[in-house]
Amino acid sequence: MRVIAWLVEGTWPACVDAVRTHAPEDAEVVLLHVSGPDVPGVAHGAFAGLLGRGHPERDPGALLERLGDTSAAQLLSAAAERLGRPCEREARSGRVEREVVAAAEGADLLVLARDGDRSRLGPHSLGPAGRFTVDHAPCPVLLVWPEPAPGLATIPPPPPHHHP
């Protein structure tokens, strides 16, 4: 069994704990972190357009990429320690939701945490990246709450035209 755990800053412990709880001990576990291109890309563009003519060594985008790589490595290391069993660590960069779906190809389970409004139950508990991933994952998905789930009273009421 191959299990992919998509780890995001702030919610990764819940994903690791879900793998510990739900994946068999002999499962092949991949801890996945994906860095988006947005912040370094903006810095590269601003530097090239306004500031950096003739001085590529001063490009702040390169520094942001290195910082992102270091942060991802630290997160993956902390997650592997929390998991407490052999695992593979994979760091990718690109369109986050597409990279996660691509990484899940051939997997038996993808574990991810809710990335939207976690104050109530309902469809908005998934943000755009989580929704895309759940909708397009090529394998079963285990969707976890990063903290205890809100109570049933937080479910939004049905639309006015809905008849029970």
Protein backbone atom coordinates (compact mmCIF):
# COMPACT_ATOMS: atom_id res chain seq x y z
CA MET A 1 0.00 0.00 0.00
CA ARG A 2 1.32 3.45 -0.99
CA VAL A 3 0.06 6.41 1.09
CA ILE A 4 0.73 10.04 0.19
CA ALA A 5 0.35 12.63 2.96
CA TRP A 6 0.10 16.17 1.60
CA LEU A 7 1.69 18.40 4.23
CA VAL A 8 0.90 22.10 4.51
CA GLU A 9 2.22 24.56 7.07
CA GLY A 10 -0.16 24.76 10.01
CA THR A 11 -2.15 21.59 9.29
CA TRP A 12 0.51 18.93 8.68
CA PRO A 13 0.40 17.32 12.16
CA ALA A 14 -3.20 16.19 11.57
CA CYS A 15 -2.20 14.50 8.31
CA VAL A 16 0.74 12.71 9.91
CA ASP A 17 -1.46 11.57 12.80
CA ALA A 18 -4.06 10.28 10.31
CA VAL A 19 -1.37 8.23 8.54
CA ARG A 20 -0.23 6.82 11.89
CA THR A 21 -3.84 5.88 12.70
CA HIS A 22 -5.13 4.64 9.34
CA ALA A 23 -2.19 3.34 7.29
CA PRO A 24 -0.91 -0.19 7.93
CA GLU A 25 2.55 -0.41 9.51
CA ASP A 26 3.99 -1.89 6.32
CA ALA A 27 2.57 0.87 4.08
CA GLU A 28 4.94 2.84 1.90
CA VAL A 29 4.45 6.39 3.18
CA VAL A 30 5.38 9.48 1.20
CA LEU A 31 5.38 12.82 2.99
CA LEU A 32 4.72 15.45 0.32
CA HIS A 33 5.23 19.20 0.48
CA VAL A 34 4.55 21.45 -2.50
CA SER A 35 5.77 25.03 -2.75
CA GLY A 36 3.86 27.33 -5.06
CA PRO A 37 5.71 29.59 -7.48
CA ASP A 38 3.83 32.77 -6.56
CA VAL A 39 6.06 34.60 -4.09
CA PRO A 40 9.44 33.92 -5.75
CA GLY A 41 7.85 34.60 -9.14
CA VAL A 42 6.59 38.03 -8.08
CA ALA A 43 10.02 38.89 -6.66
CA HIS A 44 11.78 37.72 -9.85
CA GLY A 45 9.39 39.80 -11.98
CA ALA A 46 9.65 42.93 -9.87
CA PHE A 47 13.41 42.71 -9.81
CA ALA A 48 13.73 42.11 -13.55
CA GLY A 49 11.27 44.85 -14.44
CA LEU A 50 12.24 47.58 -12.05
CA LEU A 51 15.36 46.96 -10.09
CA GLY A 52 17.70 44.42 -11.52
CA ARG A 53 18.94 45.44 -14.86
CA GLY A 54 22.53 44.30 -15.00
CA HIS A 55 22.65 42.78 -11.48
CA PRO A 56 21.23 39.22 -11.53
CA GLU A 57 23.11 38.39 -8.32
CA ARG A 58 20.76 40.73 -6.41
CA ASP A 59 17.55 38.96 -7.51
CA PRO A 60 15.45 38.50 -4.32
CA GLY A 61 13.46 35.69 -5.99
CA ALA A 62 16.47 33.38 -5.71
CA LEU A 63 16.72 34.07 -1.98
CA LEU A 64 13.00 33.40 -1.53
CA GLU A 65 13.36 30.09 -3.40
CA ARG A 66 16.23 29.02 -1.09
CA LEU A 67 14.25 30.02 2.00
CA GLY A 68 11.25 28.07 0.73
CA ASP A 69 13.40 24.99 0.11
CA THR A 70 14.85 25.22 3.62
CA SER A 71 11.39 25.63 5.16
CA ALA A 72 10.03 22.63 3.21
CA ALA A 73 12.97 20.47 4.31
CA GLN A 74 12.42 21.44 7.95
CA LEU A 75 8.69 20.68 7.74
CA LEU A 76 9.34 17.29 6.10
CA SER A 77 11.94 16.46 8.75
CA ALA A 78 9.56 17.36 11.60
CA ALA A 79 6.79 15.33 9.96
CA ALA A 80 9.04 12.28 9.52
CA GLU A 81 10.02 12.49 13.18
CA ARG A 82 6.36 12.72 14.24
CA LEU A 83 5.45 9.78 11.98
CA GLY A 84 8.07 7.64 13.70
CA ARG A 85 8.49 5.05 10.96
CA PRO A 86 10.28 4.79 7.64
CA CYS A 87 9.00 7.14 4.96
CA GLU A 88 9.97 8.95 1.82
CA ARG A 89 10.13 12.74 1.77
CA GLU A 90 9.19 14.54 -1.41
CA ALA A 91 9.39 18.28 -2.02
CA ARG A 92 7.90 19.66 -5.21
CA SER A 93 7.23 23.11 -6.58
CA GLY A 94 4.68 24.34 -9.07
CA ARG A 95 0.91 24.73 -9.17
CA VAL A 96 0.23 23.19 -5.78
CA GLU A 97 -3.05 21.38 -6.50
CA ARG A 98 -1.77 19.94 -9.78
CA GLU A 99 1.47 18.75 -8.20
CA VAL A 100 -0.45 17.00 -5.42
CA VAL A 101 -2.73 15.24 -7.91
CA ALA A 102 0.29 14.19 -10.00
CA ALA A 103 2.07 12.87 -6.90
CA ALA A 104 -1.01 10.80 -6.01
CA GLU A 105 -0.90 8.88 -9.30
CA GLY A 106 -0.44 5.21 -8.44
CA ALA A 107 -1.10 5.78 -4.74
CA ASP A 108 -3.62 3.77 -2.74
CA LEU A 109 -4.54 6.67 -0.45
CA LEU A 110 -4.04 10.43 -0.34
CA VAL A 111 -4.29 12.14 3.06
CA LEU A 112 -4.94 15.87 3.23
CA ALA A 113 -6.28 18.43 5.67
CA ARG A 114 -9.10 20.87 5.10
CA ASP A 115 -7.79 24.19 3.83
CA GLY A 116 -10.83 26.48 3.95
CA ASP A 117 -13.18 27.78 6.65
CA ARG A 118 -12.67 25.33 9.49
CA SER A 119 -15.00 27.13 11.92
CA ARG A 120 -18.08 25.26 10.65
CA LEU A 121 -19.11 22.16 8.79
CA GLY A 122 -19.99 22.58 5.16
CA PRO A 123 -18.64 22.99 1.67
CA HIS A 124 -16.53 26.04 2.47
CA SER A 125 -14.24 23.96 4.68
CA LEU A 126 -12.32 23.22 1.48
CA GLY A 127 -10.37 26.00 -0.20
CA PRO A 128 -9.61 26.02 -3.92
CA ALA A 129 -6.50 23.80 -3.70
CA GLY A 130 -8.20 21.24 -1.47
CA ARG A 131 -11.36 21.18 -3.60
CA PHE A 132 -9.36 20.67 -6.81
CA THR A 133 -7.34 17.90 -5.20
CA VAL A 134 -10.39 16.07 -3.82
CA ASP A 135 -12.19 16.39 -7.16
CA HIS A 136 -9.24 15.20 -9.28
CA ALA A 137 -7.29 12.77 -7.09
CA PRO A 138 -6.66 9.49 -8.93
CA CYS A 139 -6.99 7.50 -5.70
CA PRO A 140 -9.13 7.37 -2.53
CA VAL A 141 -8.82 10.46 -0.33
CA LEU A 142 -8.82 10.75 3.45
CA LEU A 143 -9.82 14.31 4.32
CA VAL A 144 -9.03 15.27 7.91
CA TRP A 145 -9.84 18.17 10.19
CA PRO A 146 -6.63 19.81 11.46
CA GLU A 147 -8.32 20.37 14.82
CA PRO A 148 -11.48 18.88 16.34
CA ALA A 149 -14.37 19.19 13.92
CA PRO A 150 -17.03 21.83 14.62
CA GLY A 151 -20.36 20.63 15.99
CA LEU A 152 -23.30 19.59 13.84
CA ALA A 153 -25.08 22.84 14.72
CA THR A 154 -22.60 24.65 12.44
CA ILE A 155 -24.01 23.03 9.29
CA PRO A 156 -25.50 25.81 7.16
CA PRO A 157 -29.30 25.69 6.72
CA PRO A 158 -30.64 24.35 3.42
CA PRO A 159 -31.44 26.86 0.69
CA PRO A 160 -34.98 28.33 0.91
CA HIS A 161 -36.21 26.39 -2.13
CA HIS A 162 -35.11 23.03 -0.65
CA HIS A 163 -37.89 20.66 0.45
CA PRO A 164 -36.95 17.87 2.90
